[in-house]
Structure formats: structure tokens, C-alpha cells
Protein backbone atom coordinates (compact mmCIF):
# COMPACT_ATOMS: atom_id res chain seq x y z
CA MET A 1 0.78 -15.84 -10.55
CA GLN A 2 -1.17 -16.11 -7.25
CA VAL A 3 0.49 -14.01 -4.63
CA ALA A 4 -1.75 -15.60 -2.01
CA ASP A 5 -0.14 -18.90 -2.65
CA LEU A 6 3.49 -17.50 -2.41
CA ILE A 7 3.17 -15.26 0.62
CA ARG A 8 1.91 -17.19 3.50
CA CYS A 9 1.78 -16.35 7.32
CA GLU A 10 2.57 -19.54 9.08
CA ARG A 11 2.04 -18.11 12.63
CA LEU A 12 -1.15 -16.01 12.47
CA ALA A 13 -0.23 -14.99 16.17
CA CYS A 14 -0.13 -11.11 16.06
CA ARG A 15 -1.89 -9.10 18.67
CA GLY A 16 -4.61 -6.41 17.95
CA VAL A 17 -5.76 -7.81 14.60
CA ALA A 18 -8.64 -9.85 13.40
CA LEU A 19 -6.97 -13.10 12.45
CA ASP A 20 -10.35 -14.19 10.75
CA ARG A 21 -9.73 -11.42 8.05
CA HIS A 22 -6.28 -12.57 7.00
CA SER A 23 -5.86 -11.77 3.46
CA VAL A 24 -3.21 -11.61 0.84
CA PRO A 25 -4.28 -10.31 -2.77
CA ASN A 26 -4.08 -12.78 -5.69
CA GLY A 27 -1.94 -10.49 -7.81
CA PRO A 28 -1.41 -10.07 -11.50
CA GLY A 29 -1.17 -12.90 -14.01
CA ASN A 30 2.16 -11.38 -14.95
CA PRO A 31 4.34 -9.96 -12.15
CA ASP A 32 6.44 -7.90 -14.63
CA SER A 33 3.33 -5.95 -15.63
CA VAL A 34 3.25 -4.24 -12.27
CA ALA A 35 4.60 -0.85 -12.26
CA ILE A 36 3.15 0.51 -9.11
CA VAL A 37 2.61 -1.14 -5.78
CA MET A 38 -0.08 0.56 -3.77
CA VAL A 39 0.15 -0.43 0.07
CA ALA A 40 -2.75 0.49 2.37
CA GLY A 41 -2.65 -0.05 5.87
CA ALA A 42 -4.56 -3.25 7.00
CA VAL A 43 -7.33 -5.46 5.52
CA PRO A 44 -10.41 -3.53 5.65
CA PRO A 45 -13.56 -4.85 7.51
CA ASP A 46 -15.44 -4.99 4.31
CA PRO A 47 -14.00 -5.76 0.77
CA ALA A 48 -16.36 -3.00 -0.55
CA TYR A 49 -14.05 -0.47 1.10
CA TRP A 50 -11.59 -0.95 -1.73
CA LEU A 51 -13.94 0.64 -4.02
CA CYS A 52 -12.77 3.96 -2.76
CA THR A 53 -9.49 3.23 -4.51
CA VAL A 54 -11.44 3.44 -7.95
CA GLU A 55 -12.89 6.76 -6.84
CA ALA A 56 -9.33 7.95 -5.83
CA PHE A 57 -8.01 7.03 -9.47
CA ARG A 58 -10.95 8.76 -11.17
CA ALA A 59 -10.17 11.85 -9.04
CA ALA A 60 -6.55 11.47 -10.53
CA GLY A 61 -7.90 11.66 -14.02
CA GLU A 62 -8.03 8.05 -14.78
CA ASN A 63 -10.89 6.37 -16.68
CA VAL A 64 -11.58 3.42 -14.36
CA GLU A 65 -14.64 1.70 -13.30
CA THR A 66 -13.61 -1.32 -11.21
CA LEU A 67 -10.54 -2.42 -9.31
CA ALA A 68 -9.49 -4.55 -12.29
CA ASP A 69 -9.44 -1.32 -14.43
CA VAL A 70 -6.92 0.04 -11.71
CA GLU A 71 -4.91 -3.20 -11.84
CA ALA A 72 -4.83 -2.86 -15.62
CA LEU A 73 -3.02 0.28 -15.15
CA GLY A 74 -0.09 -1.75 -13.85
CA VAL A 75 -1.13 -1.29 -10.15
CA TYR A 76 -0.88 -3.92 -7.52
CA LEU A 77 -3.01 -3.33 -4.40
CA THR A 78 -2.07 -4.93 -1.11
CA THR A 79 -1.76 -4.08 2.67
CA ALA A 80 1.09 -3.62 4.98
CA VAL A 81 -0.77 -5.62 7.78
CA LYS A 82 -2.45 -8.81 6.31
CA CYS A 83 -5.13 -9.03 8.88
CA GLY A 84 -7.99 -6.58 9.89
CA LYS A 85 -7.40 -4.07 12.60
CA THR A 86 -9.21 -4.52 15.85
CA GLY A 87 -8.14 -1.23 17.31
CA TYR A 88 -5.76 1.66 17.04
CA PRO A 89 -2.76 1.76 16.79
CA VAL A 90 -1.53 -1.60 15.44
CA THR A 91 1.31 -2.76 17.69
CA ARG A 92 4.88 -2.27 16.45
CA GLU A 93 5.18 -6.11 16.95
CA THR A 94 2.45 -6.80 14.48
CA ILE A 95 3.94 -4.16 12.08
CA GLU A 96 7.27 -5.82 12.30
CA ALA A 97 5.77 -9.52 11.78
CA CYS A 98 3.65 -8.35 8.79
CA SER A 99 6.62 -6.58 7.35
CA TYR A 100 8.34 -9.83 6.59
CA LEU A 101 5.29 -10.79 4.48
CA LEU A 102 5.26 -7.28 2.63
CA GLU A 103 8.98 -7.51 2.11
CA GLU A 104 8.44 -10.91 0.17
CA GLU A 105 5.61 -9.59 -1.56
CA LEU A 106 7.41 -6.49 -2.94
CA GLY A 107 10.12 -8.93 -4.09
CA LEU A 108 7.73 -10.45 -6.39
CA PHE A 109 7.61 -7.27 -8.59
CA PRO A 110 11.11 -6.69 -9.64
CA LEU A 111 10.11 -4.21 -12.41
CA ALA A 112 7.96 -2.08 -10.19
CA GLN A 113 9.02 1.58 -10.24
CA VAL A 114 6.75 3.23 -7.72
CA LEU A 115 5.77 2.47 -4.12
CA LEU A 116 2.39 4.43 -3.20
CA LEU A 117 2.31 4.21 0.59
CA MET A 118 -1.28 5.07 1.82
CA GLY A 119 -1.21 5.95 5.25
CA ASP A 120 0.95 5.85 8.45
CA LEU A 121 0.68 2.11 8.78
CA ALA A 122 2.12 1.47 5.33
CA ILE A 123 4.87 4.17 5.79
CA LYS A 124 5.89 2.39 9.15
CA ALA A 125 6.01 -1.01 7.57
CA VAL A 126 8.38 -0.07 4.79
CA ASN A 127 10.53 1.88 7.15
CA VAL A 128 10.59 -1.28 9.43
CA ILE A 129 11.75 -3.28 6.33
CA ALA A 130 14.57 -0.86 5.62
CA GLU A 131 15.67 -0.61 9.14
CA ARG A 132 15.90 -4.45 9.66
CA ASN A 133 17.96 -4.66 6.52
CA HIS A 134 20.27 -1.76 7.40
CA GLU A 135 19.07 0.42 4.56
CA PRO A 136 18.60 4.14 4.70
CA ARG A 137 14.88 5.09 6.01
CA PRO A 138 12.88 5.59 2.79
CA VAL A 139 10.33 8.00 4.35
CA PRO A 140 11.30 10.55 6.96
CA THR A 141 9.41 11.04 10.18
CA GLY A 142 6.68 13.70 10.03
CA ALA A 143 3.36 14.59 9.09
CA THR A 144 2.18 13.17 5.81
CA TYR A 145 1.10 16.65 4.51
CA ARG A 146 4.72 17.85 5.02
CA ILE A 147 6.73 15.02 3.50
CA ARG A 148 4.32 14.42 0.56
CA GLY A 149 6.04 15.25 -2.77
CA GLY A 150 9.59 14.58 -1.46
CA ASP A 151 11.90 12.55 -3.46
CA PHE A 152 12.24 9.34 -1.62
CA ARG A 153 13.53 5.95 -2.88
CA PHE A 154 13.30 2.35 -1.77
CA ARG A 155 15.20 -0.42 -3.61
CA GLY A 156 14.98 1.46 -6.83
CA MET A 157 11.42 2.36 -6.46
CA ARG A 158 10.24 6.02 -6.21
CA VAL A 159 8.30 6.28 -2.82
CA PHE A 160 5.11 8.37 -2.51
CA PRO A 161 3.76 8.72 0.90
CA SER A 162 0.15 9.57 1.02
CA TYR A 163 -3.25 9.30 3.09
CA LEU A 164 -5.28 6.11 3.44
CA GLN A 165 -7.53 5.64 0.34
CA VAL A 166 -9.63 2.78 1.73
CA GLY A 167 -13.01 3.05 3.97
CA PRO A 168 -15.15 5.66 5.26
CA ALA A 169 -12.35 8.07 6.25
CA PHE A 170 -11.85 8.55 2.63
CA TYR A 171 -15.11 10.67 2.56
CA ILE A 172 -14.30 12.82 5.63
CA GLU A 173 -11.76 15.37 4.40
CA LYS A 174 -11.99 16.92 0.89
CA SER A 175 -8.25 18.17 1.18
CA LYS A 176 -7.06 14.64 1.85
CA ARG A 177 -9.04 13.14 -1.12
CA ARG A 178 -7.36 15.83 -3.44
CA MET A 179 -4.03 15.08 -1.99
CA ILE A 180 -4.54 11.32 -2.52
CA ALA A 181 -5.43 12.10 -6.18
CA GLU A 182 -2.65 14.30 -6.62
CA ASP A 183 -0.23 11.47 -5.34
CA ILE A 184 -1.84 8.86 -7.61
CA ALA A 185 -1.43 11.11 -10.54
CA ALA A 186 2.22 11.86 -9.82
CA ALA A 187 2.91 8.11 -9.40
CA LEU A 188 1.30 7.38 -12.79
CA ALA A 189 3.23 10.28 -14.36
CA CYS A 190 6.43 8.78 -12.98
CA VAL A 191 5.94 5.35 -14.49
CA ARG A 192 4.57 6.77 -17.87
CA GLY A 193 7.76 8.97 -18.06
């Protein structure tokens, strides 16, 4: 299955993003193999930034060396906004527009048990999807450090709000790296029973 062939943005008209960095992941060969969907904020300016994800999984106790190793754990990596950010914050209109793509994407993985929301942008996008569909808000408003570890649900998946694991910011605060590793470990424990 090629997710990028199934999820297409026909408009590419959002403001505050780099349209030349539009990207949707290829996805797994078998969508039923996905147990965890990990949603970061926006497409990073450099694909090498995704390598922080490998480090985060290693810190969570997993023996991984590559992004393919992370995916082999049943993890699908994507972004809430399918283009790169040009500034901060990303507009509500852009989050809403991209949330349609994210919603379609999530629908491709009916057996996913966990939704790891990495950062405020991912949390906002999933809350927008719920709001649009008149569903309960999956993640309450509040600082991430206060809401982490709560029992949140979205369309049958357990939701883990966490911090962004992509890019240079990953190296700035050790406490956030520790919390990211804890959230990844909790998500993996959830799917492993």
C-alpha cells in the first residue's frame, strides 16, 4: 500500500507553509500491521530530522537502528500538516485543511490501537477532526506535561499526547526527551498487552 497515492491534497493552497515540502509517507506494505500511528507536527525541513525518532525509540528501550526498524514495530510515522512550516504558529485554517488529509490517513489503519500525538500541532489536528465530526474532544486543553499519562481515546485508539520528537528541539531539553521515551514505552506496552 502506498499511502501517498491514496492521500492527496488537490488544493495545496494553505498559508504559512512551504508547499514545496509537501509530503505524505509511503506507508506500510500491510495496513493491518500498523498498531501505532505516530503523528508529528509538520514536514521537517530536512528528512534527517526524522532520525531523532530512532533515538527516541532507543531511549524507550527498543533495539532499533533505522526508521525501518521503528516501522517494523508496527509504527506508522506521519505528520499533522503535510507541508513544512514557514513560521510559528501554523494557522488554524491550515490545521483544519490538513486535518481532512490526516483523517483519511488514520482511516487507512483500522487495526491501529494507539495514536501518539507528538506536539501541540498534532494534538490540535486530532481535536479539530473530532470537533468537525461532533465527537468528544480526545485531548483536553492544557500543558502537555499536565495531560500526559491521561486515559484519552479517539475512535477506539488510546491517545498519548507527548512532545515533538523531530528536529533540533529534541536535543534541547533532557526532561522532554525522557518524557517522549516514557510515552513511547507506554504506547508500546499498550499494544503488546
